[in-house]
Amino acid sequence: MYYTYILRCGDGSLYTGIAKDIGKRMSEHFSRSGQCAKYTRSRRAVKLEAVWESADRSAASRLEYRIKQLKKTVKQRLIDSNEMDVLKDTDAAFYRRLTDEEIGELY
């Protein structure tokens, strides 16, 4: 299983990434360890906004790419409502958004 996620940073910006082990990856981002992304190290990750599960790395990477192409307002709409239609040409059947409870169990 692979995960695509969106983090909110201290400056209000949104960071999108993928991970195989979401718990480990969030620890890296939030602790600002040497393994965290340079972007979140400098902007300080403050909140995990959304997580989608996919069967393989290829699908997770495709979703990450599509999300990174969106404007911030559209990303916020995706976070708030999980309207996968904002991701044009993306087959929503390949992805499942995790609930807050499921996210809590992962890390």
N, C-alpha and C. Protein backbone atom coordinates (compact mmCIF):
# COMPACT_ATOMS: atom_id res chain seq x y z
N MET A 1 0.84 -1.18 0.00
CA MET A 1 0.00 0.00 0.00
C MET A 1 0.89 1.25 0.00
N TYR A 2 0.50 2.23 -0.78
CA TYR A 2 1.17 3.53 -0.81
C TYR A 2 0.14 4.61 -0.49
N TYR A 3 0.64 5.72 0.00
CA TYR A 3 -0.22 6.82 0.41
C TYR A 3 0.22 8.12 -0.26
N THR A 4 -0.76 8.91 -0.65
CA THR A 4 -0.53 10.27 -1.12
C THR A 4 -1.15 11.17 -0.06
N TYR A 5 -0.43 12.21 0.32
CA TYR A 5 -0.91 13.03 1.43
C TYR A 5 -0.71 14.52 1.15
N ILE A 6 -1.48 15.32 1.87
CA ILE A 6 -1.34 16.78 1.82
C ILE A 6 -1.11 17.26 3.25
N LEU A 7 -0.04 18.04 3.42
CA LEU A 7 0.28 18.65 4.71
C LEU A 7 0.06 20.16 4.63
N ARG A 8 -0.38 20.75 5.74
CA ARG A 8 -0.42 22.21 5.83
C ARG A 8 0.82 22.64 6.60
N CYS A 9 1.47 23.68 6.07
CA CYS A 9 2.69 24.19 6.70
C CYS A 9 2.38 25.45 7.50
N GLY A 10 3.34 25.85 8.31
CA GLY A 10 3.18 27.00 9.20
C GLY A 10 2.86 28.30 8.48
N ASP A 11 3.29 28.42 7.23
CA ASP A 11 3.01 29.64 6.47
C ASP A 11 1.68 29.55 5.70
N GLY A 12 0.92 28.46 5.93
CA GLY A 12 -0.37 28.29 5.27
C GLY A 12 -0.30 27.56 3.94
N SER A 13 0.91 27.31 3.45
CA SER A 13 1.05 26.59 2.18
C SER A 13 0.73 25.12 2.36
N LEU A 14 0.52 24.44 1.23
CA LEU A 14 0.19 23.02 1.23
C LEU A 14 1.30 22.24 0.54
N TYR A 15 1.71 21.13 1.15
CA TYR A 15 2.75 20.26 0.60
C TYR A 15 2.12 18.91 0.30
N THR A 16 2.40 18.38 -0.88
CA THR A 16 1.87 17.08 -1.28
C THR A 16 3.02 16.11 -1.48
N GLY A 17 2.87 14.89 -0.96
CA GLY A 17 3.91 13.88 -1.10
C GLY A 17 3.33 12.48 -1.11
N ILE A 18 4.21 11.48 -1.26
CA ILE A 18 3.80 10.08 -1.18
C ILE A 18 4.68 9.36 -0.18
N ALA A 19 4.17 8.25 0.34
CA ALA A 19 4.93 7.45 1.30
C ALA A 19 4.40 6.03 1.33
N LYS A 20 5.28 5.10 1.63
CA LYS A 20 4.86 3.72 1.85
C LYS A 20 4.47 3.55 3.32
N ASP A 21 5.24 4.15 4.21
CA ASP A 21 4.98 4.11 5.65
C ASP A 21 4.60 5.52 6.10
N ILE A 22 3.31 5.79 6.15
CA ILE A 22 2.83 7.15 6.44
C ILE A 22 3.23 7.61 7.84
N GLY A 23 3.22 6.70 8.80
CA GLY A 23 3.61 7.07 10.16
C GLY A 23 5.05 7.54 10.23
N LYS A 24 5.94 6.80 9.62
CA LYS A 24 7.36 7.16 9.60
C LYS A 24 7.55 8.48 8.87
N ARG A 25 6.87 8.64 7.74
CA ARG A 25 7.04 9.87 6.96
C ARG A 25 6.54 11.09 7.71
N MET A 26 5.42 10.96 8.43
CA MET A 26 4.91 12.09 9.19
C MET A 26 5.86 12.44 10.34
N SER A 27 6.44 11.43 10.97
CA SER A 27 7.43 11.68 12.03
C SER A 27 8.60 12.49 11.47
N GLU A 28 9.03 12.14 10.26
CA GLU A 28 10.13 12.87 9.64
C GLU A 28 9.74 14.32 9.37
N HIS A 29 8.54 14.53 8.82
CA HIS A 29 8.10 15.89 8.52
C HIS A 29 7.93 16.72 9.79
N PHE A 30 7.24 16.18 10.77
CA PHE A 30 6.90 16.97 11.95
C PHE A 30 8.11 17.19 12.86
N SER A 31 9.08 16.30 12.86
CA SER A 31 10.27 16.49 13.68
C SER A 31 11.32 17.32 12.96
N ARG A 32 11.09 17.53 11.66
CA ARG A 32 12.01 18.28 10.82
C ARG A 32 13.39 17.63 10.80
N SER A 33 13.38 16.30 10.79
CA SER A 33 14.62 15.53 10.76
C SER A 33 15.32 15.70 9.41
N GLY A 34 16.48 15.15 9.31
CA GLY A 34 17.25 15.23 8.07
C GLY A 34 16.56 14.54 6.91
N GLN A 35 15.63 13.64 7.19
CA GLN A 35 14.93 12.91 6.13
C GLN A 35 13.70 13.66 5.62
N CYS A 36 13.28 14.71 6.30
CA CYS A 36 12.08 15.41 5.84
C CYS A 36 12.40 16.23 4.60
N ALA A 37 11.38 16.59 3.87
CA ALA A 37 11.57 17.40 2.66
C ALA A 37 12.10 18.78 3.03
N LYS A 38 12.94 19.31 2.18
CA LYS A 38 13.50 20.64 2.42
C LYS A 38 12.36 21.67 2.56
N TYR A 39 11.29 21.48 1.79
CA TYR A 39 10.15 22.39 1.83
C TYR A 39 9.52 22.42 3.21
N THR A 40 9.26 21.24 3.80
CA THR A 40 8.60 21.22 5.11
C THR A 40 9.58 21.54 6.23
N ARG A 41 10.86 21.35 6.01
CA ARG A 41 11.84 21.73 7.03
C ARG A 41 11.86 23.24 7.19
N SER A 42 11.80 23.95 6.08
CA SER A 42 11.88 25.41 6.14
C SER A 42 10.53 26.06 6.48
N ARG A 43 9.43 25.38 6.15
CA ARG A 43 8.11 25.98 6.38
C ARG A 43 7.35 25.36 7.54
N ARG A 44 7.89 24.33 8.17
CA ARG A 44 7.34 23.66 9.35
C ARG A 44 5.95 23.08 9.11
N ALA A 45 5.91 21.78 8.92
CA ALA A 45 4.63 21.07 8.77
C ALA A 45 3.85 21.17 10.08
N VAL A 46 2.57 21.53 10.01
CA VAL A 46 1.77 21.68 11.22
C VAL A 46 0.56 20.75 11.28
N LYS A 47 0.05 20.31 10.11
CA LYS A 47 -1.16 19.49 10.14
C LYS A 47 -1.24 18.60 8.91
N LEU A 48 -1.57 17.34 9.14
CA LEU A 48 -1.86 16.42 8.05
C LEU A 48 -3.31 16.65 7.65
N GLU A 49 -3.53 17.14 6.43
CA GLU A 49 -4.87 17.52 5.99
C GLU A 49 -5.66 16.38 5.37
N ALA A 50 -5.01 15.54 4.55
CA ALA A 50 -5.72 14.47 3.86
C ALA A 50 -4.75 13.38 3.43
N VAL A 51 -5.26 12.15 3.38
CA VAL A 51 -4.46 11.00 2.95
C VAL A 51 -5.32 10.12 2.05
N TRP A 52 -4.74 9.70 0.92
CA TRP A 52 -5.38 8.75 0.02
C TRP A 52 -4.53 7.50 -0.07
N GLU A 53 -5.18 6.37 -0.11
CA GLU A 53 -4.51 5.08 -0.20
C GLU A 53 -4.57 4.61 -1.65
N SER A 54 -3.47 4.02 -2.12
CA SER A 54 -3.47 3.42 -3.45
C SER A 54 -2.68 2.13 -3.42
N ALA A 55 -2.93 1.28 -4.38
CA ALA A 55 -2.36 -0.07 -4.37
C ALA A 55 -0.86 -0.10 -4.65
N ASP A 56 -0.37 0.85 -5.43
CA ASP A 56 1.05 0.79 -5.78
C ASP A 56 1.65 2.19 -5.91
N ARG A 57 2.97 2.23 -6.02
CA ARG A 57 3.69 3.48 -6.08
C ARG A 57 3.31 4.30 -7.32
N SER A 58 3.10 3.62 -8.41
CA SER A 58 2.76 4.31 -9.65
C SER A 58 1.45 5.10 -9.50
N ALA A 59 0.44 4.48 -8.93
CA ALA A 59 -0.84 5.16 -8.74
C ALA A 59 -0.69 6.32 -7.75
N ALA A 60 0.06 6.12 -6.68
CA ALA A 60 0.28 7.18 -5.69
C ALA A 60 1.01 8.36 -6.33
N SER A 61 1.99 8.07 -7.16
CA SER A 61 2.75 9.13 -7.84
C SER A 61 1.88 9.90 -8.83
N ARG A 62 1.00 9.20 -9.53
CA ARG A 62 0.08 9.87 -10.46
C ARG A 62 -0.83 10.84 -9.71
N LEU A 63 -1.35 10.39 -8.57
CA LEU A 63 -2.23 11.26 -7.78
C LEU A 63 -1.45 12.45 -7.25
N GLU A 64 -0.24 12.21 -6.75
CA GLU A 64 0.60 13.31 -6.26
C GLU A 64 0.82 14.34 -7.37
N TYR A 65 1.16 13.88 -8.55
CA TYR A 65 1.39 14.78 -9.67
C TYR A 65 0.14 15.61 -9.98
N ARG A 66 -1.01 14.95 -10.03
CA ARG A 66 -2.27 15.66 -10.35
C ARG A 66 -2.58 16.72 -9.28
N ILE A 67 -2.38 16.38 -8.02
CA ILE A 67 -2.66 17.33 -6.94
C ILE A 67 -1.70 18.52 -7.03
N LYS A 68 -0.45 18.26 -7.31
CA LYS A 68 0.53 19.34 -7.39
C LYS A 68 0.24 20.31 -8.54
N GLN A 69 -0.54 19.89 -9.52
CA GLN A 69 -0.90 20.76 -10.64
C GLN A 69 -2.04 21.72 -10.29
N LEU A 70 -2.74 21.46 -9.18
CA LEU A 70 -3.91 22.26 -8.81
C LEU A 70 -3.52 23.57 -8.15
N LYS A 71 -4.37 24.57 -8.31
CA LYS A 71 -4.21 25.82 -7.58
C LYS A 71 -4.58 25.56 -6.11
N LYS A 72 -4.09 26.41 -5.23
CA LYS A 72 -4.31 26.22 -3.80
C LYS A 72 -5.80 26.18 -3.45
N THR A 73 -6.61 27.01 -4.08
CA THR A 73 -8.04 27.03 -3.78
C THR A 73 -8.70 25.70 -4.14
N VAL A 74 -8.26 25.10 -5.23
CA VAL A 74 -8.82 23.82 -5.65
C VAL A 74 -8.33 22.70 -4.73
N LYS A 75 -7.06 22.78 -4.31
CA LYS A 75 -6.55 21.81 -3.33
C LYS A 75 -7.37 21.87 -2.04
N GLN A 76 -7.71 23.09 -1.63
CA GLN A 76 -8.49 23.25 -0.40
C GLN A 76 -9.87 22.63 -0.57
N ARG A 77 -10.46 22.78 -1.74
CA ARG A 77 -11.76 22.15 -2.01
C ARG A 77 -11.64 20.63 -1.97
N LEU A 78 -10.56 20.10 -2.50
CA LEU A 78 -10.31 18.66 -2.45
C LEU A 78 -10.18 18.19 -1.00
N ILE A 79 -9.48 18.94 -0.18
CA ILE A 79 -9.32 18.61 1.23
C ILE A 79 -10.67 18.64 1.94
N ASP A 80 -11.42 19.70 1.72
CA ASP A 80 -12.68 19.91 2.43
C ASP A 80 -13.76 18.91 2.03
N SER A 81 -13.80 18.53 0.76
CA SER A 81 -14.95 17.74 0.31
C SER A 81 -14.58 16.43 -0.39
N ASN A 82 -13.31 16.22 -0.66
CA ASN A 82 -12.85 15.04 -1.39
C ASN A 82 -13.53 14.92 -2.75
N GLU A 83 -13.75 16.03 -3.42
CA GLU A 83 -14.34 16.04 -4.75
C GLU A 83 -13.26 15.64 -5.75
N MET A 84 -13.16 14.36 -6.04
CA MET A 84 -12.12 13.86 -6.93
C MET A 84 -12.29 14.35 -8.37
N ASP A 85 -13.45 14.93 -8.68
CA ASP A 85 -13.65 15.43 -10.04
C ASP A 85 -12.74 16.61 -10.36
N VAL A 86 -12.17 17.27 -9.34
CA VAL A 86 -11.24 18.36 -9.60
C VAL A 86 -9.93 17.84 -10.20
N LEU A 87 -9.71 16.55 -10.07
CA LEU A 87 -8.51 15.91 -10.63
C LEU A 87 -8.85 15.33 -11.99
N LYS A 88 -8.86 16.16 -12.99
CA LYS A 88 -9.25 15.75 -14.34
C LYS A 88 -8.43 14.55 -14.79
N ASP A 89 -9.06 13.66 -15.50
CA ASP A 89 -8.41 12.47 -16.06
C ASP A 89 -7.84 11.54 -14.99
N THR A 90 -8.36 11.63 -13.78
CA THR A 90 -7.90 10.74 -12.71
C THR A 90 -9.02 9.78 -12.38
N ASP A 91 -8.74 8.51 -12.41
CA ASP A 91 -9.74 7.50 -12.10
C ASP A 91 -9.85 7.36 -10.59
N ALA A 92 -10.90 7.91 -10.02
CA ALA A 92 -11.09 7.91 -8.57
C ALA A 92 -11.17 6.50 -8.00
N ALA A 93 -11.46 5.52 -8.81
CA ALA A 93 -11.57 4.14 -8.32
C ALA A 93 -10.23 3.59 -7.83
N PHE A 94 -9.13 4.21 -8.25
CA PHE A 94 -7.80 3.74 -7.83
C PHE A 94 -7.41 4.24 -6.44
N TYR A 95 -8.19 5.17 -5.88
CA TYR A 95 -7.82 5.83 -4.64
C TYR A 95 -8.95 5.78 -3.62
N ARG A 96 -8.55 5.71 -2.36
CA ARG A 96 -9.53 5.75 -1.28
C ARG A 96 -9.01 6.73 -0.24
N ARG A 97 -9.84 7.71 0.07
CA ARG A 97 -9.45 8.68 1.09
C ARG A 97 -9.64 8.05 2.46
N LEU A 98 -8.64 8.19 3.30
CA LEU A 98 -8.72 7.66 4.66
C LEU A 98 -9.50 8.61 5.55
N THR A 99 -10.23 8.04 6.49
CA THR A 99 -10.95 8.85 7.47
C THR A 99 -9.97 9.33 8.53
N ASP A 100 -10.39 10.29 9.34
CA ASP A 100 -9.52 10.78 10.40
C ASP A 100 -9.15 9.66 11.37
N GLU A 101 -10.09 8.75 11.63
CA GLU A 101 -9.82 7.64 12.54
C GLU A 101 -8.77 6.70 11.95
N GLU A 102 -8.86 6.42 10.67
CA GLU A 102 -7.87 5.56 10.01
C GLU A 102 -6.49 6.21 10.01
N ILE A 103 -6.45 7.51 9.78
CA ILE A 103 -5.19 8.24 9.80
C ILE A 103 -4.58 8.14 11.20
N GLY A 104 -5.40 8.30 12.22
CA GLY A 104 -4.92 8.23 13.59
C GLY A 104 -4.32 6.87 13.93
N GLU A 105 -4.84 5.82 13.32
CA GLU A 105 -4.33 4.47 13.56
C GLU A 105 -2.97 4.25 12.88
N LEU A 106 -2.70 5.01 11.82
CA LEU A 106 -1.46 4.84 11.07
C LEU A 106 -0.25 5.50 11.73
N TYR A 107 -0.50 6.56 12.51
CA TYR A 107 0.62 7.23 13.17
C TYR A 107 0.21 7.90 14.44
